[in-house]
C-alpha atoms as a PDB file:
ATOM      1  CA  MET A   1     -38.772 -31.675 -74.161  1.00  0.00           C
ATOM      2  CA  ASN A   2     -40.762 -30.642 -71.167  1.00  0.00           C
ATOM      3  CA  ASP A   3     -38.351 -32.338 -68.766  1.00  0.00           C
ATOM      4  CA  ARG A   4     -35.577 -30.139 -70.328  1.00  0.00           C
ATOM      5  CA  LYS A   5     -37.788 -27.127 -70.007  1.00  0.00           C
ATOM      6  CA  ILE A   6     -38.774 -27.878 -66.450  1.00  0.00           C
ATOM      7  CA  GLU A   7     -35.166 -28.194 -65.446  1.00  0.00           C
ATOM      8  CA  ALA A   8     -34.190 -24.896 -67.084  1.00  0.00           C
ATOM      9  CA  LEU A   9     -37.110 -23.139 -65.338  1.00  0.00           C
ATOM     10  CA  HIS A  10     -36.171 -24.645 -61.971  1.00  0.00           C
ATOM     11  CA  GLN A  11     -32.652 -23.217 -62.547  1.00  0.00           C
ATOM     12  CA  LEU A  12     -34.183 -19.861 -63.417  1.00  0.00           C
ATOM     13  CA  GLY A  13     -36.027 -19.952 -60.005  1.00  0.00           C
ATOM     14  CA  GLU A  14     -32.769 -20.667 -58.225  1.00  0.00           C
ATOM     15  CA  TRP A  15     -31.224 -17.820 -59.995  1.00  0.00           C
ATOM     16  CA  ILE A  16     -33.986 -15.486 -58.943  1.00  0.00           C
ATOM     17  CA  ARG A  17     -33.619 -16.526 -55.354  1.00  0.00           C
ATOM     18  CA  SER A  18     -29.784 -15.671 -55.445  1.00  0.00           C
ATOM     19  CA  GLU A  19     -30.660 -12.045 -56.205  1.00  0.00           C
ATOM     20  CA  PRO A  20     -28.034 -11.584 -58.920  1.00  0.00           C
ATOM     21  CA  PRO A  21     -26.763  -8.220 -60.056  1.00  0.00           C
ATOM     22  CA  ALA A  22     -28.347  -8.448 -63.523  1.00  0.00           C
ATOM     23  CA  LEU A  23     -31.804  -8.829 -61.983  1.00  0.00           C
ATOM     24  CA  GLU A  24     -31.073  -6.046 -59.469  1.00  0.00           C
ATOM     25  CA  LEU A  25     -30.408  -3.811 -62.372  1.00  0.00           C
ATOM     26  CA  ALA A  26     -33.539  -4.739 -64.163  1.00  0.00           C
ATOM     27  CA  GLN A  27     -35.410  -3.825 -60.861  1.00  0.00           C
ATOM     28  CA  LEU A  28     -33.747  -0.412 -60.611  1.00  0.00           C
ATOM     29  CA  LYS A  29     -34.781   0.348 -64.236  1.00  0.00           C
ATOM     30  CA  SER A  30     -38.265  -0.712 -63.493  1.00  0.00           C
ATOM     31  CA  GLN A  31     -38.565   1.440 -60.475  1.00  0.00           C
ATOM     32  CA  ARG A  32     -37.155   4.301 -62.455  1.00  0.00           C
ATOM     33  CA  ASP A  33     -39.774   3.986 -65.272  1.00  0.00           C
ATOM     34  CA  ASN A  34     -42.686   3.035 -62.979  1.00  0.00           C
ATOM     35  CA  PRO A  35     -42.846   4.585 -59.413  1.00  0.00           C
ATOM     36  CA  TRP A  36     -45.375   1.971 -58.267  1.00  0.00           C
ATOM     37  CA  PHE A  37     -42.727  -0.712 -58.944  1.00  0.00           C
ATOM     38  CA  VAL A  38     -40.587  -0.151 -55.736  1.00  0.00           C
ATOM     39  CA  ILE A  39     -37.928  -2.662 -55.201  1.00  0.00           C
ATOM     40  CA  PRO A  40     -39.632  -4.473 -52.193  1.00  0.00           C
ATOM     41  CA  GLU A  41     -42.783  -5.167 -54.316  1.00  0.00           C
ATOM     42  CA  GLN A  42     -40.721  -6.365 -57.321  1.00  0.00           C
ATOM     43  CA  LYS A  43     -38.776  -8.683 -55.034  1.00  0.00           C
ATOM     44  CA  LYS A  44     -42.063  -9.961 -53.639  1.00  0.00           C
ATOM     45  CA  ALA A  45     -43.410 -10.731 -57.024  1.00  0.00           C
ATOM     46  CA  LEU A  46     -40.099 -12.377 -58.195  1.00  0.00           C
ATOM     47  CA  LEU A  47     -39.857 -14.631 -55.140  1.00  0.00           C
ATOM     48  CA  ALA A  48     -43.525 -15.575 -55.466  1.00  0.00           C
ATOM     49  CA  ILE A  49     -42.788 -16.643 -59.151  1.00  0.00           C
ATOM     50  CA  ALA A  50     -39.688 -18.524 -58.111  1.00  0.00           C
ATOM     51  CA  ASP A  51     -41.386 -20.296 -55.131  1.00  0.00           C
ATOM     52  CA  SER A  52     -44.808 -21.112 -56.800  1.00  0.00           C
ATOM     53  CA  PHE A  53     -44.246 -21.360 -60.433  1.00  0.00           C
ATOM     54  CA  LEU A  54     -40.643 -22.393 -60.997  1.00  0.00           C
ATOM     55  CA  LYS A  55     -40.108 -25.346 -58.661  1.00  0.00           C
ATOM     56  CA  ARG A  56     -39.504 -28.578 -60.473  1.00  0.00           C
ATOM     57  CA  GLU A  57     -42.039 -30.577 -58.446  1.00  0.00           C
ATOM     58  CA  ASN A  58     -44.783 -27.967 -58.803  1.00  0.00           C
ATOM     59  CA  LEU A  59     -44.161 -27.795 -62.640  1.00  0.00           C
ATOM     60  CA  GLN A  60     -44.204 -31.634 -62.961  1.00  0.00           C
ATOM     61  CA  GLN A  61     -47.470 -31.874 -60.937  1.00  0.00           C
ATOM     62  CA  TRP A  62     -49.189 -29.156 -62.903  1.00  0.00           C
ATOM     63  CA  LEU A  63     -48.145 -30.393 -66.354  1.00  0.00           C
ATOM     64  CA  ALA A  64     -49.053 -33.968 -65.749  1.00  0.00           C
ATOM     65  CA  GLN A  65     -52.710 -33.181 -66.696  1.00  0.00           C
ATOM     66  CA  TYR A  66     -51.742 -31.597 -70.003  1.00  0.00           C
ATOM     67  CA  ARG A  67     -50.337 -32.910 -73.328  1.00  0.00           C
ATOM     68  CA  PRO A  68     -47.801 -30.648 -75.020  1.00  0.00           C
ATOM     69  CA  VAL A  69     -48.571 -29.898 -78.752  1.00  0.00           C
ATOM     70  CA  SER A  70     -46.476 -31.789 -81.267  1.00  0.00           C
ATOM     71  CA  SER A  71     -43.869 -30.006 -83.332  1.00  0.00           C
ATOM     72  CA  GLY A  72     -46.068 -30.044 -86.407  1.00  0.00           C
ATOM     73  CA  GLN A  73     -48.850 -28.065 -84.502  1.00  0.00           C
ATOM     74  CA  THR A  74     -46.706 -25.355 -83.171  1.00  0.00           C
ATOM     75  CA  LYS A  75     -48.277 -21.900 -83.430  1.00  0.00           C
ATOM     76  CA  ASP A  76     -47.166 -18.331 -82.752  1.00  0.00           C
ATOM     77  CA  ILE A  77     -49.049 -16.864 -79.801  1.00  0.00           C
ATOM     78  CA  GLY A  78     -49.348 -13.202 -79.192  1.00  0.00           C
ATOM     79  CA  ILE A  79     -49.241 -12.067 -75.625  1.00  0.00           C
ATOM     80  CA  ILE A  80     -50.188  -8.567 -74.703  1.00  0.00           C
ATOM     81  CA  MET A  81     -49.082  -8.048 -71.125  1.00  0.00           C
ATOM     82  CA  ALA A  82     -50.513  -5.638 -68.558  1.00  0.00           C
ATOM     83  CA  GLY A  83     -48.329  -3.450 -66.349  1.00  0.00           C
ATOM     84  CA  ASN A  84     -50.295  -2.910 -63.128  1.00  0.00           C
ATOM     85  CA  LEU A  85     -48.042  -5.483 -61.194  1.00  0.00           C
ATOM     86  CA  PRO A  86     -44.434  -6.582 -61.619  1.00  0.00           C
ATOM     87  CA  LEU A  87     -44.442  -9.622 -64.108  1.00  0.00           C
ATOM     88  CA  VAL A  88     -48.181  -9.867 -64.023  1.00  0.00           C
ATOM     89  CA  GLY A  89     -48.069 -11.445 -67.436  1.00  0.00           C
ATOM     90  CA  PHE A  90     -45.461 -14.127 -66.429  1.00  0.00           C
ATOM     91  CA  HIS A  91     -47.905 -17.002 -66.095  1.00  0.00           C
ATOM     92  CA  ASP A  92     -49.210 -16.350 -69.635  1.00  0.00           C
ATOM     93  CA  TRP A  93     -45.769 -16.542 -70.976  1.00  0.00           C
ATOM     94  CA  LEU A  94     -45.020 -19.730 -68.969  1.00  0.00           C
ATOM     95  CA  CYS A  95     -48.180 -21.418 -70.395  1.00  0.00           C
ATOM     96  CA  VAL A  96     -47.149 -20.713 -73.946  1.00  0.00           C
ATOM     97  CA  PHE A  97     -43.573 -21.800 -73.303  1.00  0.00           C
ATOM     98  CA  LEU A  98     -44.584 -25.088 -71.779  1.00  0.00           C
ATOM     99  CA  SER A  99     -47.366 -25.865 -74.146  1.00  0.00           C
ATOM    100  CA  GLY A 100     -44.826 -26.094 -77.012  1.00  0.00           C
ATOM    101  CA  HIS A 101     -45.989 -22.939 -78.885  1.00  0.00           C
ATOM    102  CA  ARG A 102     -43.848 -19.924 -79.686  1.00  0.00           C
ATOM    103  CA  ALA A 103     -44.515 -16.647 -77.790  1.00  0.00           C
ATOM    104  CA  LYS A 104     -44.547 -13.168 -79.266  1.00  0.00           C
ATOM    105  CA  VAL A 105     -44.743 -10.829 -76.287  1.00  0.00           C
ATOM    106  CA  LYS A 106     -45.890  -7.176 -76.353  1.00  0.00           C
ATOM    107  CA  LEU A 107     -44.514  -5.841 -73.059  1.00  0.00           C
ATOM    108  CA  SER A 108     -46.257  -3.074 -71.211  1.00  0.00           C
ATOM    109  CA  SER A 109     -44.160   0.165 -71.061  1.00  0.00           C
ATOM    110  CA  LYS A 110     -44.769   0.060 -67.382  1.00  0.00           C
ATOM    111  CA  ASP A 111     -42.997  -3.272 -66.999  1.00  0.00           C
ATOM    112  CA  ALA A 112     -40.457  -3.552 -69.776  1.00  0.00           C
ATOM    113  CA  HIS A 113     -37.310  -4.817 -67.928  1.00  0.00           C
ATOM    114  CA  LEU A 114     -38.122  -7.803 -65.682  1.00  0.00           C
ATOM    115  CA  LEU A 115     -39.251 -10.420 -68.179  1.00  0.00           C
ATOM    116  CA  PRO A 116     -36.407  -9.658 -70.720  1.00  0.00           C
ATOM    117  CA  ALA A 117     -33.943 -10.166 -67.775  1.00  0.00           C
ATOM    118  CA  LEU A 118     -35.508 -13.540 -66.950  1.00  0.00           C
ATOM    119  CA  LEU A 119     -35.577 -14.565 -70.624  1.00  0.00           C
ATOM    120  CA  HIS A 120     -31.925 -13.542 -71.054  1.00  0.00           C
ATOM    121  CA  ARG A 121     -30.971 -15.891 -68.101  1.00  0.00           C
ATOM    122  CA  LEU A 122     -33.140 -18.698 -69.374  1.00  0.00           C
ATOM    123  CA  HIS A 123     -31.386 -18.471 -72.742  1.00  0.00           C
ATOM    124  CA  GLU A 124     -28.060 -18.625 -70.938  1.00  0.00           C
ATOM    125  CA  ILE A 125     -29.156 -21.781 -69.119  1.00  0.00           C
ATOM    126  CA  ASP A 126     -30.274 -23.523 -72.361  1.00  0.00           C
ATOM    127  CA  GLU A 127     -29.740 -21.622 -75.663  1.00  0.00           C
ATOM    128  CA  GLN A 128     -32.165 -23.909 -77.488  1.00  0.00           C
ATOM    129  CA  PHE A 129     -34.915 -21.958 -75.883  1.00  0.00           C
ATOM    130  CA  SER A 130     -33.867 -18.573 -77.360  1.00  0.00           C
ATOM    131  CA  VAL A 131     -36.126 -19.137 -80.445  1.00  0.00           C
ATOM    132  CA  ALA A 132     -39.141 -19.898 -78.230  1.00  0.00           C
ATOM    133  CA  THR A 133     -39.905 -16.241 -77.284  1.00  0.00           C
ATOM    134  CA  GLU A 134     -39.727 -12.893 -79.044  1.00  0.00           C
ATOM    135  CA  CYS A 135     -40.412  -9.531 -77.453  1.00  0.00           C
ATOM    136  CA  VAL A 136     -41.989  -7.260 -80.128  1.00  0.00           C
ATOM    137  CA  GLU A 137     -43.208  -3.795 -80.573  1.00  0.00           C
ATOM    138  CA  LYS A 138     -46.147  -4.794 -82.652  1.00  0.00           C
ATOM    139  CA  LEU A 139     -47.944  -8.152 -82.898  1.00  0.00           C
ATOM    140  CA  ALA A 140     -47.985  -9.489 -86.493  1.00  0.00           C
ATOM    141  CA  GLY A 141     -48.099 -12.949 -87.998  1.00  0.00           C
ATOM    142  CA  ILE A 142     -49.773 -14.611 -84.927  1.00  0.00           C
ATOM    143  CA  ASP A 143     -52.169 -17.484 -84.853  1.00  0.00           C
ATOM    144  CA  ALA A 144     -53.885 -16.774 -81.463  1.00  0.00           C
ATOM    145  CA  VAL A 145     -53.727 -13.996 -78.760  1.00  0.00           C
ATOM    146  CA  ILE A 146     -53.785 -13.665 -75.002  1.00  0.00           C
ATOM    147  CA  ALA A 147     -54.358 -10.042 -74.016  1.00  0.00           C
ATOM    148  CA  THR A 148     -54.878  -8.428 -70.664  1.00  0.00           C
ATOM    149  CA  GLY A 149     -55.825  -4.881 -70.058  1.00  0.00           C
ATOM    150  CA  SER A 150     -58.721  -2.722 -69.010  1.00  0.00           C
ATOM    151  CA  ASN A 151     -62.309  -2.950 -70.021  1.00  0.00           C
ATOM    152  CA  ASN A 152     -61.623  -0.181 -72.521  1.00  0.00           C
ATOM    153  CA  SER A 153     -58.561  -2.015 -73.843  1.00  0.00           C
ATOM    154  CA  ASN A 154     -60.845  -5.054 -74.593  1.00  0.00           C
ATOM    155  CA  ARG A 155     -62.548  -3.022 -77.246  1.00  0.00           C
ATOM    156  CA  TYR A 156     -59.221  -2.525 -78.873  1.00  0.00           C
ATOM    157  CA  PHE A 157     -58.277  -6.146 -78.535  1.00  0.00           C
ATOM    158  CA  GLU A 158     -61.622  -7.221 -80.133  1.00  0.00           C
ATOM    159  CA  TYR A 159     -61.269  -4.753 -83.070  1.00  0.00           C
ATOM    160  CA  TYR A 160     -57.773  -5.826 -83.957  1.00  0.00           C
ATOM    161  CA  PHE A 161     -57.635  -9.523 -82.820  1.00  0.00           C
ATOM    162  CA  GLY A 162     -61.142 -10.672 -82.437  1.00  0.00           C
ATOM    163  CA  HIS A 163     -60.897 -12.835 -85.622  1.00  0.00           C
ATOM    164  CA  LEU A 164     -58.292 -14.933 -83.995  1.00  0.00           C
ATOM    165  CA  PRO A 165     -58.616 -17.612 -81.317  1.00  0.00           C
ATOM    166  CA  HIS A 166     -58.221 -15.568 -78.104  1.00  0.00           C
ATOM    167  CA  ILE A 167     -58.472 -14.912 -74.441  1.00  0.00           C
ATOM    168  CA  PHE A 168     -59.161 -11.330 -73.626  1.00  0.00           C
ATOM    169  CA  ARG A 169     -59.154 -10.219 -70.019  1.00  0.00           C
ATOM    170  CA  GLY A 170     -60.545  -6.952 -68.713  1.00  0.00           C
ATOM    171  CA  HIS A 171     -60.850  -5.479 -65.157  1.00  0.00           C
ATOM    172  CA  ARG A 172     -61.645  -7.557 -62.164  1.00  0.00           C
ATOM    173  CA  ASN A 173     -61.317  -7.149 -58.421  1.00  0.00           C
ATOM    174  CA  SER A 174     -61.158  -9.365 -55.445  1.00  0.00           C
ATOM    175  CA  ILE A 175     -63.437  -9.376 -52.301  1.00  0.00           C
ATOM    176  CA  ALA A 176     -63.128 -10.575 -48.709  1.00  0.00           C
ATOM    177  CA  PHE A 177     -65.903 -12.225 -46.583  1.00  0.00           C
ATOM    178  CA  LEU A 178     -65.579 -11.713 -42.821  1.00  0.00           C
ATOM    179  CA  ASP A 179     -67.986 -13.067 -40.242  1.00  0.00           C
ATOM    180  CA  GLY A 180     -68.333 -13.160 -36.432  1.00  0.00           C
ATOM    181  CA  ASP A 181     -65.557 -15.644 -36.119  1.00  0.00           C
ATOM    182  CA  THR A 182     -63.050 -13.638 -38.015  1.00  0.00           C
ATOM    183  CA  SER A 183     -60.062 -13.131 -35.688  1.00  0.00           C
ATOM    184  CA  ASP A 184     -57.664 -10.183 -35.438  1.00  0.00           C
ATOM    185  CA  ARG A 185     -55.022 -12.550 -36.824  1.00  0.00           C
ATOM    186  CA  ASP A 186     -57.281 -13.067 -39.855  1.00  0.00           C
ATOM    187  CA  ILE A 187     -57.594  -9.327 -40.269  1.00  0.00           C
ATOM    188  CA  GLU A 188     -53.841  -8.978 -39.891  1.00  0.00           C
ATOM    189  CA  LYS A 189     -53.262 -11.478 -42.805  1.00  0.00           C
ATOM    190  CA  LEU A 190     -55.972  -9.768 -44.768  1.00  0.00           C
ATOM    191  CA  GLY A 191     -53.859  -6.578 -44.894  1.00  0.00           C
ATOM    192  CA  ALA A 192     -51.519  -8.241 -47.390  1.00  0.00           C
ATOM    193  CA  ASP A 193     -54.498  -9.014 -49.617  1.00  0.00           C
ATOM    194  CA  VAL A 194     -55.463  -5.323 -49.523  1.00  0.00           C
ATOM    195  CA  PHE A 195     -52.198  -3.511 -49.568  1.00  0.00           C
ATOM    196  CA  ASP A 196     -49.612  -5.714 -51.366  1.00  0.00           C
ATOM    197  CA  TYR A 197     -48.559  -4.196 -54.730  1.00  0.00           C
ATOM    198  CA  PHE A 198     -50.427  -1.031 -53.518  1.00  0.00           C
ATOM    199  CA  GLY A 199     -53.723  -2.778 -54.171  1.00  0.00           C
ATOM    200  CA  LEU A 200     -53.375  -2.415 -57.913  1.00  0.00           C
ATOM    201  CA  GLY A 201     -53.962  -6.104 -58.921  1.00  0.00           C
ATOM    202  CA  CYS A 202     -57.053  -7.990 -59.863  1.00  0.00           C
ATOM    203  CA  ARG A 203     -56.236 -10.286 -56.847  1.00  0.00           C
ATOM    204  CA  SER A 204     -56.223  -7.205 -54.478  1.00  0.00           C
ATOM    205  CA  VAL A 205     -59.125  -7.076 -52.202  1.00  0.00           C
ATOM    206  CA  SER A 206     -60.988  -3.862 -52.691  1.00  0.00           C
ATOM    207  CA  LEU A 207     -64.261  -4.703 -50.934  1.00  0.00           C
ATOM    208  CA  CYS A 208     -64.899  -6.359 -47.529  1.00  0.00           C
ATOM    209  CA  LEU A 209     -68.177  -7.932 -46.704  1.00  0.00           C
ATOM    210  CA  VAL A 210     -68.906  -7.677 -42.991  1.00  0.00           C
ATOM    211  CA  PRO A 211     -71.645  -8.602 -40.616  1.00  0.00           C
ATOM    212  CA  THR A 212     -73.940  -5.928 -39.248  1.00  0.00           C
ATOM    213  CA  ALA A 213     -72.452  -4.085 -36.373  1.00  0.00           C
ATOM    214  CA  PHE A 214     -68.922  -5.122 -37.196  1.00  0.00           C
ATOM    215  CA  ASP A 215     -66.428  -2.910 -35.447  1.00  0.00           C
ATOM    216  CA  ARG A 216     -64.726  -1.128 -38.366  1.00  0.00           C
ATOM    217  CA  LYS A 217     -61.995   0.224 -36.158  1.00  0.00           C
ATOM    218  CA  ARG A 218     -60.474  -3.236 -36.087  1.00  0.00           C
ATOM    219  CA  PHE A 219     -59.057  -2.585 -39.421  1.00  0.00           C
ATOM    220  CA  PHE A 220     -57.016   0.553 -38.428  1.00  0.00           C
ATOM    221  CA  GLU A 221     -56.063  -1.154 -35.046  1.00  0.00           C
ATOM    222  CA  THR A 222     -54.653  -4.231 -36.851  1.00  0.00           C
ATOM    223  CA  TRP A 223     -53.012  -2.790 -39.947  1.00  0.00           C
ATOM    224  CA  THR A 224     -50.645  -0.332 -38.211  1.00  0.00           C
ATOM    225  CA  GLU A 225     -47.651  -1.975 -40.082  1.00  0.00           C
ATOM    226  CA  TYR A 226     -48.735  -0.298 -43.307  1.00  0.00           C
ATOM    227  CA  GLY A 227     -47.840   3.241 -42.202  1.00  0.00           C
ATOM    228  CA  TYR A 228     -44.921   3.133 -44.588  1.00  0.00           C
ATOM    229  CA  LEU A 229     -47.475   3.694 -47.533  1.00  0.00           C
ATOM    230  CA  ARG A 230     -47.743   7.361 -46.521  1.00  0.00           C
ATOM    231  CA  ASP A 231     -44.030   7.686 -47.488  1.00  0.00           C
ATOM    232  CA  HIS A 232     -44.779   6.673 -51.046  1.00  0.00           C
ATOM    233  CA  SER A 233     -45.546  10.002 -52.962  1.00  0.00           C
ATOM    234  CA  LYS A 234     -48.140   8.432 -55.413  1.00  0.00           C
ATOM    235  CA  TRP A 235     -50.026   6.660 -52.713  1.00  0.00           C
ATOM    236  CA  ASP A 236     -50.012   9.740 -50.586  1.00  0.00           C
ATOM    237  CA  ASN A 237     -51.111  11.920 -53.454  1.00  0.00           C
ATOM    238  CA  ASN A 238     -54.032   9.685 -54.046  1.00  0.00           C
ATOM    239  CA  PHE A 239     -54.891   9.569 -50.418  1.00  0.00           C
ATOM    240  CA  ARG A 240     -54.972  13.355 -50.195  1.00  0.00           C
ATOM    241  CA  TYR A 241     -57.003  13.804 -53.340  1.00  0.00           C
ATOM    242  CA  ASN A 242     -59.614  11.256 -52.249  1.00  0.00           C
ATOM    243  CA  TYR A 243     -59.802  12.644 -48.788  1.00  0.00           C
ATOM    244  CA  ALA A 244     -60.428  16.131 -50.076  1.00  0.00           C
ATOM    245  CA  THR A 245     -62.925  14.922 -52.640  1.00  0.00           C
ATOM    246  CA  PHE A 246     -64.992  13.006 -50.075  1.00  0.00           C
ATOM    247  CA  MET A 247     -64.858  15.895 -47.639  1.00  0.00           C
ATOM    248  CA  MET A 248     -66.141  18.316 -50.274  1.00  0.00           C
ATOM    249  CA  ASN A 249     -68.905  15.871 -51.156  1.00  0.00           C
ATOM    250  CA  GLN A 250     -69.831  15.439 -47.553  1.00  0.00           C
ATOM    251  CA  GLU A 251     -69.421  11.679 -47.739  1.00  0.00           C
ATOM    252  CA  GLN A 252     -68.962   9.585 -44.566  1.00  0.00           C
ATOM    253  CA  PHE A 253     -65.772   7.694 -44.111  1.00  0.00           C
ATOM    254  CA  LEU A 254     -63.175   6.618 -41.634  1.00  0.00           C
ATOM    255  CA  THR A 255     -59.420   7.066 -41.982  1.00  0.00           C
ATOM    256  CA  ASP A 256     -56.228   6.523 -40.049  1.00  0.00           C
ATOM    257  CA  GLU A 257     -54.348   8.912 -42.357  1.00  0.00           C
ATOM    258  CA  ILE A 258     -53.026   5.853 -44.279  1.00  0.00           C
ATOM    259  CA  PHE A 259     -56.058   4.726 -46.144  1.00  0.00           C
ATOM    260  CA  ILE A 260     -59.833   5.551 -46.332  1.00  0.00           C
ATOM    261  CA  LEU A 261     -62.678   3.130 -45.407  1.00  0.00           C
ATOM    262  CA  ARG A 262     -65.837   3.866 -47.106  1.00  0.00           C
ATOM    263  CA  GLU A 263     -69.265   2.185 -47.115  1.00  0.00           C
ATOM    264  CA  ASN A 264     -69.800   1.394 -50.765  1.00  0.00           C
ATOM    265  CA  GLU A 265     -70.853  -1.843 -52.432  1.00  0.00           C
ATOM    266  CA  SER A 266     -68.767  -1.324 -55.603  1.00  0.00           C
ATOM    267  CA  LEU A 267     -65.899  -3.740 -56.133  1.00  0.00           C
ATOM    268  CA  THR A 268     -63.884  -0.999 -57.710  1.00  0.00           C
ATOM    269  CA  SER A 269     -62.252   1.249 -55.045  1.00  0.00           C
ATOM    270  CA  ARG A 270     -59.972   4.170 -55.581  1.00  0.00           C
ATOM    271  CA  ILE A 271     -56.275   3.789 -54.657  1.00  0.00           C
ATOM    272  CA  ALA A 272     -55.788   4.328 -50.913  1.00  0.00           C
ATOM    273  CA  CYS A 273     -59.432   3.371 -50.321  1.00  0.00           C
ATOM    274  CA  LEU A 274     -61.118   0.249 -49.180  1.00  0.00           C
ATOM    275  CA  HIS A 275     -64.912  -0.429 -49.558  1.00  0.00           C
ATOM    276  CA  ILE A 276     -66.997  -2.091 -46.910  1.00  0.00           C
ATOM    277  CA  TRP A 277     -70.537  -3.470 -47.194  1.00  0.00           C
ATOM    278  CA  GLU A 278     -72.619  -4.889 -44.306  1.00  0.00           C
ATOM    279  CA  TYR A 279     -74.857  -8.057 -44.594  1.00  0.00           C
ATOM    280  CA  GLU A 280     -77.511  -9.220 -42.330  1.00  0.00           C
ATOM    281  CA  SER A 281     -77.267 -12.975 -43.180  1.00  0.00           C
ATOM    282  CA  GLU A 282     -74.714 -15.188 -44.875  1.00  0.00           C
ATOM    283  CA  ARG A 283     -77.375 -15.941 -47.521  1.00  0.00           C
ATOM    284  CA  GLU A 284     -77.505 -12.261 -48.327  1.00  0.00           C
ATOM    285  CA  ALA A 285     -73.781 -12.248 -48.535  1.00  0.00           C
ATOM    286  CA  ALA A 286     -73.734 -15.350 -50.901  1.00  0.00           C
ATOM    287  CA  GLU A 287     -76.324 -13.744 -53.122  1.00  0.00           C
ATOM    288  CA  PHE A 288     -74.216 -10.567 -53.238  1.00  0.00           C
ATOM    289  CA  LEU A 289     -71.213 -12.531 -54.399  1.00  0.00           C
ATOM    290  CA  LEU A 290     -73.148 -14.535 -57.004  1.00  0.00           C
ATOM    291  CA  ASP A 291     -74.588 -11.352 -58.529  1.00  0.00           C
ATOM    292  CA  ARG A 292     -71.204 -10.021 -59.099  1.00  0.00           C
ATOM    293  CA  LYS A 293     -69.520 -13.359 -60.097  1.00  0.00           C
ATOM    294  CA  SER A 294     -68.290 -12.088 -63.362  1.00  0.00           C
ATOM    295  CA  GLU A 295     -66.491  -9.138 -61.751  1.00  0.00           C
ATOM    296  CA  ILE A 296     -64.685 -11.183 -58.979  1.00  0.00           C
ATOM    297  CA  GLN A 297     -61.225 -12.695 -59.415  1.00  0.00           C
ATOM    298  CA  VAL A 298     -61.018 -14.326 -56.065  1.00  0.00           C
ATOM    299  CA  CYS A 299     -62.717 -14.394 -52.636  1.00  0.00           C
ATOM    300  CA  VAL A 300     -60.856 -14.262 -49.373  1.00  0.00           C
ATOM    301  CA  GLY A 301     -62.155 -15.696 -46.196  1.00  0.00           C
ATOM    302  CA  SER A 302     -62.593 -18.774 -44.039  1.00  0.00           C
ATOM    303  CA  LYS A 303     -65.745 -20.124 -45.685  1.00  0.00           C
ATOM    304  CA  ASN A 304     -66.473 -21.161 -49.282  1.00  0.00           C
ATOM    305  CA  MET A 305     -70.129 -19.778 -49.067  1.00  0.00           C
ATOM    306  CA  GLY A 306     -71.120 -22.244 -51.737  1.00  0.00           C
ATOM    307  CA  THR A 307     -70.707 -19.754 -54.602  1.00  0.00           C
ATOM    308  CA  GLU A 308     -68.360 -21.843 -56.864  1.00  0.00           C
ATOM    309  CA  LEU A 309     -66.060 -18.853 -56.833  1.00  0.00           C
ATOM    310  CA  PRO A 310     -62.358 -19.309 -56.047  1.00  0.00           C
ATOM    311  CA  PHE A 311     -61.996 -18.968 -52.217  1.00  0.00           C
ATOM    312  CA  VAL A 312     -58.558 -18.671 -50.496  1.00  0.00           C
ATOM    313  CA  SER A 313     -57.590 -18.136 -46.914  1.00  0.00           C
ATOM    314  CA  PHE A 314     -56.830 -14.751 -45.474  1.00  0.00           C
ATOM    315  CA  GLY A 315     -53.428 -13.659 -46.684  1.00  0.00           C
ATOM    316  CA  GLU A 316     -53.320 -15.799 -49.672  1.00  0.00           C
ATOM    317  CA  ALA A 317     -54.999 -13.789 -52.432  1.00  0.00           C
ATOM    318  CA  GLN A 318     -51.491 -12.617 -53.809  1.00  0.00           C
ATOM    319  CA  GLN A 319     -50.129 -16.053 -53.701  1.00  0.00           C
ATOM    320  CA  PRO A 320     -51.641 -17.808 -56.795  1.00  0.00           C
ATOM    321  CA  GLY A 321     -50.516 -21.300 -57.912  1.00  0.00           C
ATOM    322  CA  LEU A 322     -49.867 -22.608 -61.320  1.00  0.00           C
ATOM    323  CA  SER A 323     -53.503 -23.846 -61.714  1.00  0.00           C
ATOM    324  CA  ASP A 324     -54.985 -20.411 -60.536  1.00  0.00           C
ATOM    325  CA  TYR A 325     -55.933 -19.082 -63.937  1.00  0.00           C
ATOM    326  CA  ALA A 326     -56.856 -15.456 -64.398  1.00  0.00           C
ATOM    327  CA  ASP A 327     -60.492 -14.930 -64.905  1.00  0.00           C
ATOM    328  CA  HIS A 328     -61.015 -18.737 -64.266  1.00  0.00           C
ATOM    329  CA  ILE A 329     -60.125 -19.562 -67.959  1.00  0.00           C
ATOM    330  CA  ASP A 330     -57.740 -22.547 -68.198  1.00  0.00           C
ATOM    331  CA  THR A 331     -54.971 -21.001 -70.316  1.00  0.00           C
ATOM    332  CA  MET A 332     -53.187 -24.314 -70.896  1.00  0.00           C
ATOM    333  CA  THR A 333     -56.403 -26.037 -72.251  1.00  0.00           C
ATOM    334  CA  PHE A 334     -56.994 -23.102 -74.611  1.00  0.00           C
ATOM    335  CA  LEU A 335     -53.415 -23.456 -75.900  1.00  0.00           C
ATOM    336  CA  MET A 336     -53.655 -27.213 -76.356  1.00  0.00           C
ATOM    337  CA  ASN A 337     -56.802 -27.001 -78.268  1.00  0.00           C
ATOM    338  CA  LEU A 338     -55.577 -24.613 -80.948  1.00  0.00           C
END
C-alpha cells in the first residue's frame, strides 16, 4: 500500500510544481483571508513541500526505517493545525497518511484552503485515498491527537485531549550562531532564515548570538534585498508601532527602516524585530544554548557547538526534511506505537 501512496504523493508534487489553476485559486483565497499569506510566500511553502516531502526517492528512504500499521490496528488521529505559515501542518498529515492511520483534520481559519486543494487533487489521482482524511469543524471520536498552537493553546489541548495519546506543541523559536569566521555570504543566506514567511515560524531565527565587538551594521549592509517588506502593510504597521514604543521607552536599537535590531537575550522577538546577544567565548554561547534547549527549534550556523541541538547551515532553517520533526519528537514513531 505504501508504494501506491508514495506514487500518488509523487504525482501530487509534480502537480504542485506545474502551478495549476486550482492551486492558484486556493492561494488567492488564502491571501484574501490571511494578509500574511502573500502569494510568493505560499508558492515558497508549496515548492518546499513538493521538493523535500513529495519526491519518490525521499519518501522511500524516509519510510524504510518505519513499519506501517496493519489494517486491524488503524486508528483515527486528530490533527489540530496551526496557521502561522502556509501548510505548516502538512508534515503531520503526511505522517498520519503514510503510517496507515486515518486523519481527522481541524484546519486553522488562517489556512483553510491549501490543504483541501491538495487533498482534492490526491483523491483525483487515486480515489481510494479519499477515505483516509476528513477535514472537520470539531474533533470527536478520535484515538489520539497531534496539536500545534501557542503555549496558551496547550492548556486547552491538555484539558480536552490530555487523556488521549498525544503530541502537543507550543511556541518555539530558532537561533543563529555567528563567529569571527562568519562571512558576508553567510549573513546573506541568514536573511532567509530571519525574513522568510515574515519571521512567523518556529524555524524563523529571532535571535543571533554574535562575538563581542561584532559589527552589527553588517546585517543592514547585507540584507538590502528585503526592502520589499516595508510595502507589506502589516509588517510596516508592526515596524512603526515597535519603533515608536522603543523610542518612548528610550531603548537603544539600530534600524534601516525595514527592521529593528535590539540587544536582548529573549528568543521571542516582535514582528519586524531581531534580537542580538553578544558572547565572550564559545563556551559561554554553548551554555546559553543549552540553558534554552527546550525553547529552541533549530540552530543556524557553521558549527554544531556540541549542544545536541539540531544545527543547519545558514539559509537552511526554512528547508526541513522529512526527518526534521517539530520539537524533536518523532511523529512517525509515535504513530507506529499507538
